[in-house]
Each structure stands twice: as C-alpha cells, then as structure tokens.
Amino acid sequence: MTGMAKTQLGARVDEDVAELARKRAADLGLSVGDYLARLVQDDTSGLRARAVDAAARFLAEHQSLFDEAEAEQGRRTPPGEHAA
C-alpha cells in the first residue's frame, strides 16, 4: 500500500460497526482506512475464503466432539437455566 495514490471513499455503516472498525484498527496499530484496505485485499485475495473453508473442514472433522461436549453441557445445566 505504501507509495500508492490514495482515494477517499465514503460509506455509511451502523454506529456499532463503525466503533468495531475503529477499535480493531487501533488494536492492529492501523488507521481505519488502512484497516479497511487490508480487509478488502484479504477478501479479494481469497485469504478470507481459505480461512472460512479451513474452519468448515475443522468443524466437519470434529463435529462429533462438539456434539458430545454440547450434550455433556446439557446434562450439567439444570432445566430452565441456560448460558447467556
């Protein structure tokens, strides 16, 4: 991104989305603009799709463990009480 001409974009988002973007950008030490540019580059490079695919494969491979853990949790939670 360094050395490239900058273009200003305008977008309207819900305030909670804007706040999440500000906080995450700050966490990463980036401006909101640089953070959004990174998201777009990751998305268009296929990084996001690969990560989602990897997560889906992981869940598919280990679904029985999640099902067992969920069933065990259900046995420990008294009727009428649910985790938030």
PDB file of N, CA and C in Angstrom:
ATOM      1  N   MET A   1       0.810  -1.194   0.000  1.00  0.00           N
ATOM      2  CA  MET A   1       0.000   0.000   0.000  1.00  0.00           C
ATOM      3  C   MET A   1       0.857   1.264   0.000  1.00  0.00           C
ATOM      4  N   THR A   2       2.074   1.198   0.458  1.00  0.00           N
ATOM      5  CA  THR A   2       2.924   2.362   0.524  1.00  0.00           C
ATOM      6  C   THR A   2       3.244   2.855  -0.870  1.00  0.00           C
ATOM      7  N   GLY A   3       3.214   4.187  -1.062  1.00  0.00           N
ATOM      8  CA  GLY A   3       3.574   4.756  -2.333  1.00  0.00           C
ATOM      9  C   GLY A   3       2.434   4.841  -3.329  1.00  0.00           C
ATOM     10  N   MET A   4       1.296   4.274  -3.004  1.00  0.00           N
ATOM     11  CA  MET A   4       0.164   4.308  -3.912  1.00  0.00           C
ATOM     12  C   MET A   4      -0.656   5.567  -3.651  1.00  0.00           C
ATOM     13  N   ALA A   5      -1.245   6.125  -4.715  1.00  0.00           N
ATOM     14  CA  ALA A   5      -2.119   7.278  -4.563  1.00  0.00           C
ATOM     15  C   ALA A   5      -3.335   6.872  -3.746  1.00  0.00           C
ATOM     16  N   LYS A   6      -3.793   7.779  -2.929  1.00  0.00           N
ATOM     17  CA  LYS A   6      -4.942   7.495  -2.069  1.00  0.00           C
ATOM     18  C   LYS A   6      -6.200   8.111  -2.668  1.00  0.00           C
ATOM     19  N   THR A   7      -7.299   7.393  -2.572  1.00  0.00           N
ATOM     20  CA  THR A   7      -8.611   7.858  -2.993  1.00  0.00           C
ATOM     21  C   THR A   7      -9.522   7.802  -1.785  1.00  0.00           C
ATOM     22  N   GLN A   8     -10.308   8.829  -1.606  1.00  0.00           N
ATOM     23  CA  GLN A   8     -11.228   8.841  -0.474  1.00  0.00           C
ATOM     24  C   GLN A   8     -12.537   8.185  -0.871  1.00  0.00           C
ATOM     25  N   LEU A   9     -13.007   7.293  -0.014  1.00  0.00           N
ATOM     26  CA  LEU A   9     -14.298   6.638  -0.194  1.00  0.00           C
ATOM     27  C   LEU A   9     -15.216   7.079   0.930  1.00  0.00           C
ATOM     28  N   GLY A  10     -16.492   7.061   0.680  1.00  0.00           N
ATOM     29  CA  GLY A  10     -17.467   7.358   1.724  1.00  0.00           C
ATOM     30  C   GLY A  10     -18.421   6.188   1.841  1.00  0.00           C
ATOM     31  N   ALA A  11     -18.725   5.817   3.060  1.00  0.00           N
ATOM     32  CA  ALA A  11     -19.661   4.707   3.272  1.00  0.00           C
ATOM     33  C   ALA A  11     -20.435   4.963   4.550  1.00  0.00           C
ATOM     34  N   ARG A  12     -21.679   4.609   4.557  1.00  0.00           N
ATOM     35  CA  ARG A  12     -22.495   4.741   5.760  1.00  0.00           C
ATOM     36  C   ARG A  12     -22.667   3.346   6.364  1.00  0.00           C
ATOM     37  N   VAL A  13     -22.333   3.246   7.643  1.00  0.00           N
ATOM     38  CA  VAL A  13     -22.499   1.980   8.361  1.00  0.00           C
ATOM     39  C   VAL A  13     -23.137   2.289   9.705  1.00  0.00           C
ATOM     40  N   ASP A  14     -23.707   1.277  10.317  1.00  0.00           N
ATOM     41  CA  ASP A  14     -24.265   1.441  11.660  1.00  0.00           C
ATOM     42  C   ASP A  14     -23.165   1.862  12.620  1.00  0.00           C
ATOM     43  N   GLU A  15     -23.523   2.634  13.635  1.00  0.00           N
ATOM     44  CA  GLU A  15     -22.536   3.138  14.586  1.00  0.00           C
ATOM     45  C   GLU A  15     -21.775   2.002  15.260  1.00  0.00           C
ATOM     46  N   ASP A  16     -22.454   0.882  15.565  1.00  0.00           N
ATOM     47  CA  ASP A  16     -21.753  -0.226  16.217  1.00  0.00           C
ATOM     48  C   ASP A  16     -20.693  -0.829  15.292  1.00  0.00           C
ATOM     49  N   VAL A  17     -20.959  -0.878  13.992  1.00  0.00           N
ATOM     50  CA  VAL A  17     -19.974  -1.377  13.032  1.00  0.00           C
ATOM     51  C   VAL A  17     -18.795  -0.404  12.953  1.00  0.00           C
ATOM     52  N   ALA A  18     -19.093   0.885  12.932  1.00  0.00           N
ATOM     53  CA  ALA A  18     -18.034   1.891  12.885  1.00  0.00           C
ATOM     54  C   ALA A  18     -17.143   1.793  14.122  1.00  0.00           C
ATOM     55  N   GLU A  19     -17.754   1.607  15.273  1.00  0.00           N
ATOM     56  CA  GLU A  19     -16.975   1.503  16.512  1.00  0.00           C
ATOM     57  C   GLU A  19     -16.107   0.247  16.514  1.00  0.00           C
ATOM     58  N   LEU A  20     -16.661  -0.870  16.039  1.00  0.00           N
ATOM     59  CA  LEU A  20     -15.864  -2.096  15.929  1.00  0.00           C
ATOM     60  C   LEU A  20     -14.670  -1.885  15.007  1.00  0.00           C
ATOM     61  N   ALA A  21     -14.888  -1.206  13.884  1.00  0.00           N
ATOM     62  CA  ALA A  21     -13.794  -0.939  12.940  1.00  0.00           C
ATOM     63  C   ALA A  21     -12.732  -0.066  13.594  1.00  0.00           C
ATOM     64  N   ARG A  22     -13.157   0.966  14.317  1.00  0.00           N
ATOM     65  CA  ARG A  22     -12.188   1.846  14.991  1.00  0.00           C
ATOM     66  C   ARG A  22     -11.361   1.081  16.014  1.00  0.00           C
ATOM     67  N   LYS A  23     -12.040   0.265  16.816  1.00  0.00           N
ATOM     68  CA  LYS A  23     -11.343  -0.484  17.874  1.00  0.00           C
ATOM     69  C   LYS A  23     -10.375  -1.511  17.281  1.00  0.00           C
ATOM     70  N   ARG A  24     -10.822  -2.239  16.260  1.00  0.00           N
ATOM     71  CA  ARG A  24      -9.963  -3.269  15.674  1.00  0.00           C
ATOM     72  C   ARG A  24      -8.760  -2.634  14.982  1.00  0.00           C
ATOM     73  N   ALA A  25      -8.988  -1.518  14.282  1.00  0.00           N
ATOM     74  CA  ALA A  25      -7.887  -0.813  13.634  1.00  0.00           C
ATOM     75  C   ALA A  25      -6.870  -0.370  14.680  1.00  0.00           C
ATOM     76  N   ALA A  26      -7.350   0.174  15.795  1.00  0.00           N
ATOM     77  CA  ALA A  26      -6.448   0.612  16.865  1.00  0.00           C
ATOM     78  C   ALA A  26      -5.679  -0.575  17.435  1.00  0.00           C
ATOM     79  N   ASP A  27      -6.361  -1.703  17.624  1.00  0.00           N
ATOM     80  CA  ASP A  27      -5.699  -2.914  18.130  1.00  0.00           C
ATOM     81  C   ASP A  27      -4.542  -3.331  17.229  1.00  0.00           C
ATOM     82  N   LEU A  28      -4.715  -3.134  15.929  1.00  0.00           N
ATOM     83  CA  LEU A  28      -3.711  -3.538  14.947  1.00  0.00           C
ATOM     84  C   LEU A  28      -2.693  -2.433  14.656  1.00  0.00           C
ATOM     85  N   GLY A  29      -2.899  -1.273  15.277  1.00  0.00           N
ATOM     86  CA  GLY A  29      -1.995  -0.151  15.036  1.00  0.00           C
ATOM     87  C   GLY A  29      -2.164   0.458  13.654  1.00  0.00           C
ATOM     88  N   LEU A  30      -3.370   0.381  13.113  1.00  0.00           N
ATOM     89  CA  LEU A  30      -3.661   0.886  11.775  1.00  0.00           C
ATOM     90  C   LEU A  30      -4.678   2.012  11.847  1.00  0.00           C
ATOM     91  N   SER A  31      -4.692   2.841  10.817  1.00  0.00           N
ATOM     92  CA  SER A  31      -5.794   3.786  10.660  1.00  0.00           C
ATOM     93  C   SER A  31      -7.012   2.977  10.205  1.00  0.00           C
ATOM     94  N   VAL A  32      -8.190   3.545  10.340  1.00  0.00           N
ATOM     95  CA  VAL A  32      -9.389   2.845   9.869  1.00  0.00           C
ATOM     96  C   VAL A  32      -9.287   2.603   8.361  1.00  0.00           C
ATOM     97  N   GLY A  33      -8.776   3.595   7.631  1.00  0.00           N
ATOM     98  CA  GLY A  33      -8.620   3.433   6.181  1.00  0.00           C
ATOM     99  C   GLY A  33      -7.698   2.283   5.819  1.00  0.00           C
ATOM    100  N   ASP A  34      -6.555   2.189   6.517  1.00  0.00           N
ATOM    101  CA  ASP A  34      -5.624   1.095   6.239  1.00  0.00           C
ATOM    102  C   ASP A  34      -6.220  -0.249   6.639  1.00  0.00           C
ATOM    103  N   TYR A  35      -6.970  -0.258   7.741  1.00  0.00           N
ATOM    104  CA  TYR A  35      -7.637  -1.493   8.179  1.00  0.00           C
ATOM    105  C   TYR A  35      -8.647  -1.951   7.122  1.00  0.00           C
ATOM    106  N   LEU A  36      -9.463  -1.024   6.629  1.00  0.00           N
ATOM    107  CA  LEU A  36     -10.444  -1.380   5.606  1.00  0.00           C
ATOM    108  C   LEU A  36      -9.756  -1.836   4.322  1.00  0.00           C
ATOM    109  N   ALA A  37      -8.654  -1.177   3.963  1.00  0.00           N
ATOM    110  CA  ALA A  37      -7.901  -1.601   2.775  1.00  0.00           C
ATOM    111  C   ALA A  37      -7.394  -3.022   2.952  1.00  0.00           C
ATOM    112  N   ARG A  38      -6.909  -3.347   4.151  1.00  0.00           N
ATOM    113  CA  ARG A  38      -6.425  -4.709   4.417  1.00  0.00           C
ATOM    114  C   ARG A  38      -7.562  -5.718   4.287  1.00  0.00           C
ATOM    115  N   LEU A  39      -8.734  -5.388   4.827  1.00  0.00           N
ATOM    116  CA  LEU A  39      -9.876  -6.300   4.710  1.00  0.00           C
ATOM    117  C   LEU A  39     -10.228  -6.557   3.251  1.00  0.00           C
ATOM    118  N   VAL A  40     -10.252  -5.511   2.456  1.00  0.00           N
ATOM    119  CA  VAL A  40     -10.590  -5.658   1.036  1.00  0.00           C
ATOM    120  C   VAL A  40      -9.538  -6.506   0.336  1.00  0.00           C
ATOM    121  N   GLN A  41      -8.263  -6.228   0.609  1.00  0.00           N
ATOM    122  CA  GLN A  41      -7.196  -7.011  -0.033  1.00  0.00           C
ATOM    123  C   GLN A  41      -7.268  -8.477   0.382  1.00  0.00           C
ATOM    124  N   ASP A  42      -7.501  -8.737   1.674  1.00  0.00           N
ATOM    125  CA  ASP A  42      -7.618 -10.121   2.132  1.00  0.00           C
ATOM    126  C   ASP A  42      -8.795 -10.815   1.461  1.00  0.00           C
ATOM    127  N   ASP A  43      -9.917 -10.102   1.375  1.00  0.00           N
ATOM    128  CA  ASP A  43     -11.121 -10.677   0.789  1.00  0.00           C
ATOM    129  C   ASP A  43     -10.910 -10.985  -0.692  1.00  0.00           C
ATOM    130  N   THR A  44     -10.332 -10.057  -1.422  1.00  0.00           N
ATOM    131  CA  THR A  44     -10.169 -10.260  -2.855  1.00  0.00           C
ATOM    132  C   THR A  44      -9.029 -11.207  -3.189  1.00  0.00           C
ATOM    133  N   SER A  45      -8.113 -11.405  -2.250  1.00  0.00           N
ATOM    134  CA  SER A  45      -7.016 -12.337  -2.499  1.00  0.00           C
ATOM    135  C   SER A  45      -7.421 -13.776  -2.203  1.00  0.00           C
ATOM    136  N   GLY A  46      -8.591 -13.961  -1.635  1.00  0.00           N
ATOM    137  CA  GLY A  46      -9.055 -15.300  -1.321  1.00  0.00           C
ATOM    138  C   GLY A  46      -8.657 -15.762   0.072  1.00  0.00           C
ATOM    139  N   LEU A  47      -7.909 -14.940   0.809  1.00  0.00           N
ATOM    140  CA  LEU A  47      -7.492 -15.332   2.153  1.00  0.00           C
ATOM    141  C   LEU A  47      -8.696 -15.638   3.038  1.00  0.00           C
ATOM    142  N   ARG A  48      -9.698 -14.767   2.974  1.00  0.00           N
ATOM    143  CA  ARG A  48     -10.898 -14.971   3.799  1.00  0.00           C
ATOM    144  C   ARG A  48     -11.589 -16.275   3.421  1.00  0.00           C
ATOM    145  N   ALA A  49     -11.723 -16.520   2.131  1.00  0.00           N
ATOM    146  CA  ALA A  49     -12.391 -17.749   1.676  1.00  0.00           C
ATOM    147  C   ALA A  49     -11.623 -18.982   2.137  1.00  0.00           C
ATOM    148  N   ARG A  50     -10.295 -18.927   2.062  1.00  0.00           N
ATOM    149  CA  ARG A  50      -9.490 -20.073   2.517  1.00  0.00           C
ATOM    150  C   ARG A  50      -9.650 -20.290   4.019  1.00  0.00           C
ATOM    151  N   ALA A  51      -9.700 -19.208   4.782  1.00  0.00           N
ATOM    152  CA  ALA A  51      -9.858 -19.335   6.231  1.00  0.00           C
ATOM    153  C   ALA A  51     -11.226 -19.919   6.575  1.00  0.00           C
ATOM    154  N   VAL A  52     -12.258 -19.461   5.893  1.00  0.00           N
ATOM    155  CA  VAL A  52     -13.609 -19.983   6.132  1.00  0.00           C
ATOM    156  C   VAL A  52     -13.674 -21.456   5.753  1.00  0.00           C
ATOM    157  N   ASP A  53     -13.075 -21.816   4.628  1.00  0.00           N
ATOM    158  CA  ASP A  53     -13.047 -23.219   4.202  1.00  0.00           C
ATOM    159  C   ASP A  53     -12.305 -24.084   5.222  1.00  0.00           C
ATOM    160  N   ALA A  54     -11.184 -23.577   5.734  1.00  0.00           N
ATOM    161  CA  ALA A  54     -10.419 -24.334   6.732  1.00  0.00           C
ATOM    162  C   ALA A  54     -11.238 -24.519   8.005  1.00  0.00           C
ATOM    163  N   ALA A  55     -11.944 -23.483   8.418  1.00  0.00           N
ATOM    164  CA  ALA A  55     -12.788 -23.590   9.615  1.00  0.00           C
ATOM    165  C   ALA A  55     -13.913 -24.593   9.392  1.00  0.00           C
ATOM    166  N   ALA A  56     -14.512 -24.575   8.214  1.00  0.00           N
ATOM    167  CA  ALA A  56     -15.592 -25.521   7.902  1.00  0.00           C
ATOM    168  C   ALA A  56     -15.076 -26.953   7.908  1.00  0.00           C
ATOM    169  N   ARG A  57     -13.876 -27.163   7.341  1.00  0.00           N
ATOM    170  CA  ARG A  57     -13.298 -28.516   7.355  1.00  0.00           C
ATOM    171  C   ARG A  57     -13.024 -28.968   8.791  1.00  0.00           C
ATOM    172  N   PHE A  58     -12.479 -28.064   9.611  1.00  0.00           N
ATOM    173  CA  PHE A  58     -12.193 -28.389  11.007  1.00  0.00           C
ATOM    174  C   PHE A  58     -13.472 -28.786  11.730  1.00  0.00           C
ATOM    175  N   LEU A  59     -14.517 -27.988  11.562  1.00  0.00           N
ATOM    176  CA  LEU A  59     -15.787 -28.297  12.223  1.00  0.00           C
ATOM    177  C   LEU A  59     -16.355 -29.628  11.738  1.00  0.00           C
ATOM    178  N   ALA A  60     -16.277 -29.873  10.444  1.00  0.00           N
ATOM    179  CA  ALA A  60     -16.792 -31.132   9.897  1.00  0.00           C
ATOM    180  C   ALA A  60     -16.031 -32.326  10.465  1.00  0.00           C
ATOM    181  N   GLU A  61     -14.704 -32.190  10.558  1.00  0.00           N
ATOM    182  CA  GLU A  61     -13.876 -33.293  11.058  1.00  0.00           C
ATOM    183  C   GLU A  61     -14.097 -33.564  12.546  1.00  0.00           C
ATOM    184  N   HIS A  62     -14.445 -32.527  13.276  1.00  0.00           N
ATOM    185  CA  HIS A  62     -14.544 -32.660  14.738  1.00  0.00           C
ATOM    186  C   HIS A  62     -15.956 -32.449  15.267  1.00  0.00           C
ATOM    187  N   GLN A  63     -16.945 -32.516  14.393  1.00  0.00           N
ATOM    188  CA  GLN A  63     -18.323 -32.255  14.800  1.00  0.00           C
ATOM    189  C   GLN A  63     -18.765 -33.170  15.942  1.00  0.00           C
ATOM    190  N   SER A  64     -18.353 -34.429  15.922  1.00  0.00           N
ATOM    191  CA  SER A  64     -18.786 -35.349  16.979  1.00  0.00           C
ATOM    192  C   SER A  64     -18.279 -34.888  18.347  1.00  0.00           C
ATOM    193  N   LEU A  65     -17.073 -34.314  18.402  1.00  0.00           N
ATOM    194  CA  LEU A  65     -16.562 -33.806  19.684  1.00  0.00           C
ATOM    195  C   LEU A  65     -17.399 -32.638  20.181  1.00  0.00           C
ATOM    196  N   PHE A  66     -17.776 -31.750  19.254  1.00  0.00           N
ATOM    197  CA  PHE A  66     -18.621 -30.621  19.647  1.00  0.00           C
ATOM    198  C   PHE A  66     -19.990 -31.113  20.103  1.00  0.00           C
ATOM    199  N   ASP A  67     -20.538 -32.097  19.395  1.00  0.00           N
ATOM    200  CA  ASP A  67     -21.840 -32.652  19.773  1.00  0.00           C
ATOM    201  C   ASP A  67     -21.782 -33.283  21.159  1.00  0.00           C
ATOM    202  N   GLU A  68     -20.712 -34.030  21.425  1.00  0.00           N
ATOM    203  CA  GLU A  68     -20.555 -34.662  22.742  1.00  0.00           C
ATOM    204  C   GLU A  68     -20.425 -33.616  23.844  1.00  0.00           C
ATOM    205  N   ALA A  69     -19.625 -32.588  23.601  1.00  0.00           N
ATOM    206  CA  ALA A  69     -19.441 -31.531  24.598  1.00  0.00           C
ATOM    207  C   ALA A  69     -20.752 -30.799  24.857  1.00  0.00           C
ATOM    208  N   GLU A  70     -21.506 -30.558  23.804  1.00  0.00           N
ATOM    209  CA  GLU A  70     -22.795 -29.879  23.950  1.00  0.00           C
ATOM    210  C   GLU A  70     -23.771 -30.749  24.726  1.00  0.00           C
ATOM    211  N   ALA A  71     -23.783 -32.041  24.429  1.00  0.00           N
ATOM    212  CA  ALA A  71     -24.666 -32.956  25.144  1.00  0.00           C
ATOM    213  C   ALA A  71     -24.274 -33.029  26.622  1.00  0.00           C
ATOM    214  N   GLU A  72     -22.982 -33.068  26.898  1.00  0.00           N
ATOM    215  CA  GLU A  72     -22.497 -33.110  28.284  1.00  0.00           C
ATOM    216  C   GLU A  72     -22.899 -31.834  29.019  1.00  0.00           C
ATOM    217  N   GLN A  73     -22.759 -30.696  28.367  1.00  0.00           N
ATOM    218  CA  GLN A  73     -23.144 -29.431  28.988  1.00  0.00           C
ATOM    219  C   GLN A  73     -24.641 -29.430  29.280  1.00  0.00           C
ATOM    220  N   GLY A  74     -25.425 -29.962  28.374  1.00  0.00           N
ATOM    221  CA  GLY A  74     -26.872 -30.025  28.568  1.00  0.00           C
ATOM    222  C   GLY A  74     -27.240 -30.877  29.768  1.00  0.00           C
ATOM    223  N   ARG A  75     -26.449 -31.925  30.034  1.00  0.00           N
ATOM    224  CA  ARG A  75     -26.729 -32.776  31.198  1.00  0.00           C
ATOM    225  C   ARG A  75     -26.372 -32.067  32.501  1.00  0.00           C
ATOM    226  N   ARG A  76     -25.425 -31.120  32.459  1.00  0.00           N
ATOM    227  CA  ARG A  76     -24.990 -30.418  33.667  1.00  0.00           C
ATOM    228  C   ARG A  76     -25.825 -29.185  33.989  1.00  0.00           C
ATOM    229  N   THR A  77     -26.537 -28.638  33.013  1.00  0.00           N
ATOM    230  CA  THR A  77     -27.319 -27.431  33.217  1.00  0.00           C
ATOM    231  C   THR A  77     -28.709 -27.793  33.715  1.00  0.00           C
ATOM    232  N   PRO A  78     -29.107 -27.282  34.871  1.00  0.00           N
ATOM    233  CA  PRO A  78     -30.447 -27.570  35.371  1.00  0.00           C
ATOM    234  C   PRO A  78     -31.509 -27.082  34.384  1.00  0.00           C
ATOM    235  N   PRO A  79     -32.637 -27.792  34.293  1.00  0.00           N
ATOM    236  CA  PRO A  79     -33.702 -27.382  33.383  1.00  0.00           C
ATOM    237  C   PRO A  79     -34.094 -25.928  33.645  1.00  0.00           C
ATOM    238  N   GLY A  80     -34.299 -25.187  32.564  1.00  0.00           N
ATOM    239  CA  GLY A  80     -34.719 -23.796  32.697  1.00  0.00           C
ATOM    240  C   GLY A  80     -33.569 -22.814  32.823  1.00  0.00           C
ATOM    241  N   GLU A  81     -32.337 -23.299  33.037  1.00  0.00           N
ATOM    242  CA  GLU A  81     -31.187 -22.428  33.126  1.00  0.00           C
ATOM    243  C   GLU A  81     -30.323 -22.616  31.905  1.00  0.00           C
ATOM    244  N   HIS A  82     -30.067 -21.545  31.226  1.00  0.00           N
ATOM    245  CA  HIS A  82     -29.266 -21.591  30.005  1.00  0.00           C
ATOM    246  C   HIS A  82     -28.151 -20.583  30.095  1.00  0.00           C
ATOM    247  N   ALA A  83     -27.020 -20.924  29.517  1.00  0.00           N
ATOM    248  CA  ALA A  83     -25.886 -19.984  29.466  1.00  0.00           C
ATOM    249  C   ALA A  83     -26.247 -18.840  28.548  1.00  0.00           C
ATOM    250  N   ALA A  84     -25.763 -17.667  28.867  1.00  0.00           N
ATOM    251  CA  ALA A  84     -26.035 -16.474  28.045  1.00  0.00           C
ATOM    252  C   ALA A  84     -25.241 -16.518  26.771  1.00  0.00           C
TER     253      ALA A  84
END
